[in-house]
Amino acid sequence: MEIPYIIIKESESLPEIVDIMSKLNNCFKKWTNDHYANCYCAVGMSDYIFLRTKKGQTKLSYASLLNIYHGTDSGSGYKKFKEGNIKINIESGDIMLKYVLSMFKVKNLSERSLRAFVPFCKSITNYDHDKFLNNFKRSLPVMDDCFETTQFYNKFVEIYNKK
């Protein structure tokens, strides 16, 4: 039986080393966001340690936490996450997480709704979460027909603007 061998180029760039590790380990199972986070946590990157801690506390996915603390869930956000280039904003992220968790206490929505909720909140000047939450509680049956991000976003706007 032939034994394959791999030549690895020498590198001191952490993102490049992680990329090489993920490709080598992809032979058996594709790397998840947990793998990347654990790798960057192991070398002491504080933003990743923070996100991993929040993931354990909230049970939200890294995708949702990236949306809340980094403001993105797009491909470029994942690319930055995998490259070790995430810079989170703890202050605004903690406020957004508080909003999200209070909304989830009222109704357990899918994490997909976060892809709409975070940009929705950021789009409203002087956003009033108490106003939104009161309207949201009265609009719960309406939220049941949302499946796509744009539907959630439009419903959030509609709910927020209710009199």
Protein backbone atom coordinates (compact mmCIF):
# COMPACT_ATOMS: atom_id res chain seq x y z
CA MET A 1 0.00 0.00 0.00
CA GLU A 2 1.41 3.35 -1.03
CA ILE A 3 1.74 5.87 1.80
CA PRO A 4 1.06 9.44 0.72
CA TYR A 5 3.38 12.14 1.93
CA ILE A 6 2.90 15.86 2.18
CA ILE A 7 5.44 18.62 1.95
CA ILE A 8 4.54 21.59 4.11
CA LYS A 9 6.16 24.90 3.48
CA GLU A 10 7.55 26.67 6.49
CA SER A 11 5.51 29.60 7.75
CA GLU A 12 5.35 31.87 10.75
CA SER A 13 2.00 33.39 9.77
CA LEU A 14 -0.67 32.09 12.16
CA PRO A 15 -3.53 32.38 9.63
CA GLU A 16 -1.44 30.48 7.07
CA ILE A 17 -0.59 27.74 9.60
CA VAL A 18 -4.28 27.40 10.57
CA ASP A 19 -5.24 27.25 6.90
CA ILE A 20 -2.68 24.47 6.29
CA MET A 21 -3.91 22.58 9.37
CA SER A 22 -7.52 22.84 8.26
CA LYS A 23 -6.68 21.53 4.79
CA LEU A 24 -4.66 18.62 6.16
CA ASN A 25 -7.39 17.72 8.65
CA ASN A 26 -10.10 18.11 6.01
CA CYS A 27 -9.20 14.66 4.71
CA PHE A 28 -11.51 13.06 7.25
CA LYS A 29 -13.95 15.77 8.23
CA LYS A 30 -14.37 19.35 7.13
CA TRP A 31 -13.36 21.89 9.75
CA THR A 32 -16.20 23.67 11.52
CA ASN A 33 -16.21 27.10 13.10
CA ASP A 34 -15.56 25.33 16.42
CA HIS A 35 -12.28 23.96 15.05
CA TYR A 36 -11.12 27.40 13.94
CA ALA A 37 -12.21 29.03 17.21
CA ASN A 38 -10.48 26.37 19.31
CA CYS A 39 -7.29 26.77 17.30
CA TYR A 40 -7.19 30.54 17.76
CA CYS A 41 -8.19 30.22 21.44
CA ALA A 42 -5.28 27.84 21.97
CA VAL A 43 -2.84 30.56 20.95
CA GLY A 44 -4.52 33.09 23.23
CA MET A 45 -6.45 35.28 20.79
CA SER A 46 -8.78 37.17 23.13
CA ASP A 47 -11.60 37.89 20.65
CA TYR A 48 -11.94 34.16 19.93
CA ILE A 49 -11.80 33.28 23.63
CA PHE A 50 -14.56 35.84 24.23
CA LEU A 51 -16.73 34.43 21.42
CA ARG A 52 -16.21 30.84 22.59
CA THR A 53 -17.22 31.85 26.13
CA LYS A 54 -20.35 33.62 24.84
CA LYS A 55 -21.20 30.59 22.71
CA GLY A 56 -21.10 28.40 25.80
CA GLN A 57 -23.20 30.86 27.82
CA THR A 58 -25.86 31.59 25.20
CA LYS A 59 -25.90 28.41 23.08
CA LEU A 60 -25.91 30.65 19.98
CA SER A 61 -23.81 29.64 17.00
CA TYR A 62 -20.58 31.37 16.01
CA ALA A 63 -22.45 32.71 12.97
CA SER A 64 -24.97 34.45 15.22
CA LEU A 65 -22.31 35.73 17.59
CA LEU A 66 -20.30 37.07 14.65
CA ASN A 67 -23.40 38.90 13.51
CA ILE A 68 -23.94 40.35 16.99
CA TYR A 69 -20.35 41.21 17.92
CA HIS A 70 -18.71 41.77 14.55
CA GLY A 71 -21.72 42.99 12.60
CA THR A 72 -21.48 40.52 9.76
CA ASP A 73 -22.62 37.09 8.76
CA SER A 74 -21.53 37.34 5.16
CA GLY A 75 -18.85 35.30 3.44
CA SER A 76 -16.25 37.95 4.21
CA GLY A 77 -17.07 37.64 7.93
CA TYR A 78 -16.50 33.88 7.83
CA LYS A 79 -13.31 34.38 5.86
CA LYS A 80 -12.01 36.80 8.50
CA PHE A 81 -13.08 34.38 11.23
CA LYS A 82 -11.16 31.52 9.61
CA GLU A 83 -8.11 33.72 9.02
CA GLY A 84 -7.97 34.89 12.64
CA ASN A 85 -8.85 38.47 11.75
CA ILE A 86 -12.02 38.98 13.76
CA LYS A 87 -12.19 42.16 15.78
CA ILE A 88 -15.28 42.30 17.95
CA ASN A 89 -16.99 45.26 19.55
CA ILE A 90 -17.86 44.10 23.05
CA GLU A 91 -19.78 47.22 24.11
CA SER A 92 -22.22 47.40 21.21
CA GLY A 93 -22.29 43.59 20.93
CA ASP A 94 -23.36 43.18 24.57
CA ILE A 95 -26.23 45.61 23.99
CA MET A 96 -27.27 43.74 20.85
CA LEU A 97 -27.01 40.38 22.64
CA LYS A 98 -29.27 41.72 25.41
CA TYR A 99 -31.83 42.72 22.76
CA VAL A 100 -31.61 39.34 21.06
CA LEU A 101 -31.95 37.34 24.28
CA SER A 102 -34.92 39.42 25.43
CA MET A 103 -36.61 38.79 22.08
CA PHE A 104 -35.86 35.05 22.31
CA LYS A 105 -37.46 34.96 25.79
CA VAL A 106 -40.72 36.12 24.21
CA LYS A 107 -40.54 33.73 21.27
CA ASN A 108 -37.92 31.19 20.30
CA LEU A 109 -37.18 32.31 16.75
CA SER A 110 -34.66 30.68 14.48
CA GLU A 111 -31.14 32.01 14.45
CA ARG A 112 -31.87 33.00 10.86
CA SER A 113 -33.98 35.82 12.28
CA LEU A 114 -30.78 37.31 13.74
CA ARG A 115 -29.46 37.88 10.23
CA ALA A 116 -32.31 40.35 9.90
CA PHE A 117 -32.63 41.61 13.46
CA VAL A 118 -29.10 42.96 13.88
CA PRO A 119 -29.11 45.04 10.65
CA PHE A 120 -32.67 46.12 11.43
CA CYS A 121 -31.63 47.50 14.84
CA LYS A 122 -28.64 49.26 13.35
CA SER A 123 -30.79 50.84 10.64
CA ILE A 124 -33.12 52.58 13.13
CA THR A 125 -31.89 55.92 14.45
CA ASN A 126 -32.42 56.07 18.23
CA TYR A 127 -33.69 52.49 18.29
CA ASP A 128 -36.13 51.90 21.20
CA HIS A 129 -36.00 48.25 22.18
CA ASP A 130 -38.82 48.51 24.75
CA LYS A 131 -41.11 49.86 22.02
CA PHE A 132 -40.05 47.06 19.68
CA LEU A 133 -40.47 44.37 22.35
CA ASN A 134 -43.98 45.54 23.29
CA ASN A 135 -45.03 45.55 19.64
CA PHE A 136 -43.26 42.23 19.08
CA LYS A 137 -45.24 40.56 21.90
CA ARG A 138 -48.49 41.67 20.25
CA SER A 139 -47.38 40.50 16.80
CA LEU A 140 -46.25 36.96 17.51
CA PRO A 141 -48.70 35.13 15.24
CA VAL A 142 -47.52 37.38 12.41
CA MET A 143 -43.90 36.25 12.92
CA ASP A 144 -44.81 32.60 12.33
CA ASP A 145 -44.92 33.08 8.56
CA CYS A 146 -41.32 34.27 8.25
CA PHE A 147 -38.72 31.94 6.79
CA GLU A 148 -36.23 34.11 4.89
CA THR A 149 -34.00 36.90 6.14
CA THR A 150 -35.76 39.57 4.08
CA GLN A 151 -39.15 38.44 5.42
CA PHE A 152 -37.89 38.76 9.01
CA TYR A 153 -36.38 42.18 8.28
CA ASN A 154 -39.61 43.48 6.73
CA LYS A 155 -41.66 42.11 9.64
CA PHE A 156 -39.32 43.74 12.17
CA VAL A 157 -39.77 47.08 10.41
CA GLU A 158 -43.54 46.58 10.31
CA ILE A 159 -43.67 45.60 13.99
CA TYR A 160 -41.45 48.49 15.09
CA ASN A 161 -43.60 51.03 13.24
CA LYS A 162 -46.91 49.79 14.65
CA LYS A 163 -48.87 52.33 16.63
